[in-house]
Amino acid sequence: MRHKVAGWKLGRTTSHRRSLLRNMATSLILEERIETTVPKAKALRPQVEKMITLGKKGDLSARRQAAAYLMTREAVNKLFDTIGPRFGDREGGFLRIVRVGWQKGDGAEKAFIELLGSEKLQEEKRQKRAETRAKRTAEAKKAMEEAEAQAAPGEPAEDSEKKE
């Protein structure tokens, strides 16, 4: 039985587990949504909630503690400039874990872990990807039309290449 055994080992050594959680916390703060396995998401939740609590405090000591844990300066700045004020009046429960299916290789259960209120950011990313995809499709269509126009009107494009 695992009475009073806190935390998740995740099948890793202490240093590997610490690095994994620090990297995931940094990515989650920067991206506001990441996909991972359910046990990793559950292990990550308390770490990120502590970071957000530090971001809500906003003083120099909290900034230094967050900088000691997070991997990049951009993550620290985003935590204190945007994420901390976003959750200023909220006491806890800053994250959401949404189960999405199973991993193909080993059958592990996958989940999205995301900050509450990140829906706007995700919608902006979706729109940007859609615009990029539409632009790329239009460029490809234009290139195809130009290639067809270069071929002689009466001859297929393959025959004109053979003659040259």
Protein backbone atom coordinates (compact mmCIF):
# COMPACT_ATOMS: atom_id res chain seq x y z
CA MET A 1 0.00 0.00 0.00
CA ARG A 2 1.11 3.56 -0.68
CA HIS A 3 -0.17 5.26 2.46
CA LYS A 4 1.28 8.75 2.95
CA VAL A 5 3.47 8.48 -0.14
CA ALA A 6 3.08 11.84 -1.84
CA GLY A 7 3.95 12.78 -5.40
CA TRP A 8 4.58 10.91 -8.61
CA LYS A 9 7.84 9.17 -9.47
CA LEU A 10 6.96 8.78 -13.18
CA GLY A 11 9.53 6.00 -13.55
CA ARG A 12 12.45 8.43 -13.48
CA THR A 13 15.32 9.36 -11.23
CA THR A 14 14.95 12.43 -9.05
CA SER A 15 17.06 14.68 -11.29
CA HIS A 16 15.33 13.50 -14.46
CA ARG A 17 11.89 13.99 -12.92
CA ARG A 18 12.82 17.48 -11.71
CA SER A 19 14.13 18.47 -15.15
CA LEU A 20 11.04 17.05 -16.84
CA LEU A 21 8.67 18.99 -14.62
CA ARG A 22 10.69 22.22 -14.95
CA ASN A 23 10.70 21.93 -18.74
CA MET A 24 6.99 21.14 -18.87
CA ALA A 25 6.13 24.01 -16.51
CA THR A 26 8.13 26.42 -18.66
CA SER A 27 6.44 25.16 -21.84
CA LEU A 28 3.00 25.36 -20.26
CA ILE A 29 3.52 28.96 -19.16
CA LEU A 30 4.82 29.98 -22.59
CA GLU A 31 2.30 28.04 -24.71
CA GLU A 32 -0.61 28.00 -22.19
CA ARG A 33 -1.56 24.51 -23.40
CA ILE A 34 0.48 21.34 -23.85
CA GLU A 35 -0.32 17.71 -24.59
CA THR A 36 1.16 15.05 -22.34
CA THR A 37 0.21 11.88 -20.49
CA VAL A 38 -2.28 12.03 -17.63
CA PRO A 39 0.20 11.09 -14.85
CA LYS A 40 2.65 13.77 -16.04
CA ALA A 41 -0.18 16.32 -16.16
CA LYS A 42 -1.23 15.44 -12.62
CA ALA A 43 2.37 15.73 -11.41
CA LEU A 44 2.78 19.06 -13.20
CA ARG A 45 -0.35 20.71 -11.82
CA PRO A 46 0.94 21.53 -8.29
CA GLN A 47 4.22 22.90 -9.64
CA VAL A 48 2.54 25.27 -12.08
CA GLU A 49 -0.05 26.37 -9.54
CA LYS A 50 2.80 27.33 -7.18
CA MET A 51 4.41 29.32 -9.99
CA ILE A 52 1.13 31.14 -10.71
CA THR A 53 0.77 31.94 -7.01
CA LEU A 54 4.25 33.47 -7.14
CA GLY A 55 3.18 35.40 -10.24
CA LYS A 56 0.19 36.78 -8.34
CA LYS A 57 2.44 38.04 -5.53
CA GLY A 58 4.57 39.93 -8.01
CA ASP A 59 7.35 41.04 -5.66
CA LEU A 60 11.08 40.67 -6.25
CA SER A 61 11.44 37.64 -4.00
CA ALA A 62 8.67 35.79 -5.85
CA ARG A 63 10.23 36.71 -9.20
CA ARG A 64 13.57 35.29 -8.07
CA GLN A 65 11.96 32.07 -6.84
CA ALA A 66 10.14 31.64 -10.14
CA ALA A 67 13.32 32.40 -12.10
CA ALA A 68 15.15 29.72 -10.12
CA TYR A 69 12.57 27.13 -11.18
CA LEU A 70 11.56 28.14 -14.71
CA MET A 71 14.01 27.60 -17.55
CA THR A 72 13.72 30.85 -19.54
CA ARG A 73 13.46 34.55 -18.81
CA GLU A 74 10.54 34.84 -21.27
CA ALA A 75 8.53 32.39 -19.16
CA VAL A 76 9.20 34.41 -16.00
CA ASN A 77 8.22 37.66 -17.70
CA LYS A 78 5.01 36.16 -19.09
CA LEU A 79 4.17 34.64 -15.71
CA PHE A 80 4.45 37.98 -13.91
CA ASP A 81 3.17 40.29 -16.67
CA THR A 82 0.18 38.42 -18.10
CA ILE A 83 -0.65 35.21 -16.24
CA GLY A 84 -0.35 36.51 -12.66
CA PRO A 85 -2.71 39.47 -13.20
CA ARG A 86 -5.15 37.24 -15.10
CA PHE A 87 -5.68 35.11 -11.98
CA GLY A 88 -5.40 37.98 -9.49
CA ASP A 89 -8.78 37.42 -7.82
CA ARG A 90 -8.80 33.62 -8.09
CA GLU A 91 -7.71 31.53 -5.10
CA GLY A 92 -6.70 28.37 -6.92
CA GLY A 93 -7.61 25.94 -9.66
CA PHE A 94 -5.70 27.71 -12.40
CA LEU A 95 -5.33 24.65 -14.65
CA ARG A 96 -7.58 22.28 -16.54
CA ILE A 97 -6.69 18.69 -17.51
CA VAL A 98 -8.69 17.39 -20.47
CA ARG A 99 -8.27 13.73 -21.38
CA VAL A 100 -8.08 13.24 -25.15
CA GLY A 101 -7.30 9.60 -25.95
CA TRP A 102 -4.50 7.09 -25.93
CA GLN A 103 -0.95 7.11 -27.22
CA LYS A 104 -0.39 4.89 -30.21
CA GLY A 105 2.83 3.20 -29.10
CA ASP A 106 2.22 2.16 -25.50
CA GLY A 107 -1.44 2.95 -24.95
CA ALA A 108 -0.78 5.62 -22.32
CA GLU A 109 -3.69 7.95 -21.71
CA LYS A 110 -3.07 11.42 -23.22
CA ALA A 111 -4.36 14.73 -21.92
CA PHE A 112 -4.17 18.44 -22.59
CA ILE A 113 -3.17 20.53 -19.61
CA GLU A 114 -4.04 24.17 -20.08
CA LEU A 115 -4.38 27.41 -18.19
CA LEU A 116 -7.92 28.63 -17.69
CA GLY A 117 -8.71 31.50 -20.01
CA SER A 118 -6.31 30.30 -22.70
CA GLU A 119 -9.19 29.70 -25.11
CA LYS A 120 -8.70 33.14 -26.67
CA LEU A 121 -5.04 32.45 -27.33
CA GLN A 122 -5.81 29.01 -28.78
CA GLU A 123 -8.47 30.51 -31.08
CA GLU A 124 -5.98 33.13 -32.29
CA LYS A 125 -3.43 30.41 -33.02
CA ARG A 126 -6.07 28.39 -34.90
CA GLN A 127 -7.03 31.41 -37.02
CA LYS A 128 -3.39 32.19 -37.76
CA ARG A 129 -2.76 28.58 -38.86
CA ALA A 130 -5.87 28.66 -41.04
CA GLU A 131 -4.75 31.91 -42.69
CA THR A 132 -1.27 30.50 -43.30
CA ARG A 133 -2.75 27.30 -44.73
CA ALA A 134 -5.07 29.27 -47.04
CA LYS A 135 -2.18 31.46 -48.20
CA ARG A 136 0.00 28.42 -48.91
CA THR A 137 -2.84 26.76 -50.83
CA ALA A 138 -3.39 29.91 -52.91
CA GLU A 139 0.33 30.09 -53.73
CA ALA A 140 0.38 26.44 -54.77
CA LYS A 141 -2.69 26.92 -56.96
CA LYS A 142 -1.12 30.00 -58.57
CA ALA A 143 2.10 28.09 -59.26
CA MET A 144 0.11 25.26 -60.86
CA GLU A 145 -1.74 27.71 -63.10
CA GLU A 146 1.53 29.37 -64.15
CA ALA A 147 3.04 25.97 -64.96
CA GLU A 148 0.04 25.10 -67.11
CA ALA A 149 0.18 28.49 -68.84
CA GLN A 150 3.87 27.99 -69.72
CA ALA A 151 3.04 24.76 -71.53
CA ALA A 152 2.00 25.27 -75.14
CA PRO A 153 -1.76 25.68 -75.52
CA GLY A 154 -2.14 22.66 -77.80
CA GLU A 155 0.50 20.43 -76.24
CA PRO A 156 0.65 18.79 -72.79
CA ALA A 157 3.37 20.00 -70.44
CA GLU A 158 5.28 16.67 -70.62
CA ASP A 159 5.78 16.83 -74.42
CA SER A 160 7.25 20.35 -74.27
CA GLU A 161 9.81 19.18 -71.69
CA LYS A 162 10.89 16.25 -73.93
CA LYS A 163 11.53 18.55 -76.93
CA GLU A 164 13.94 20.78 -74.99
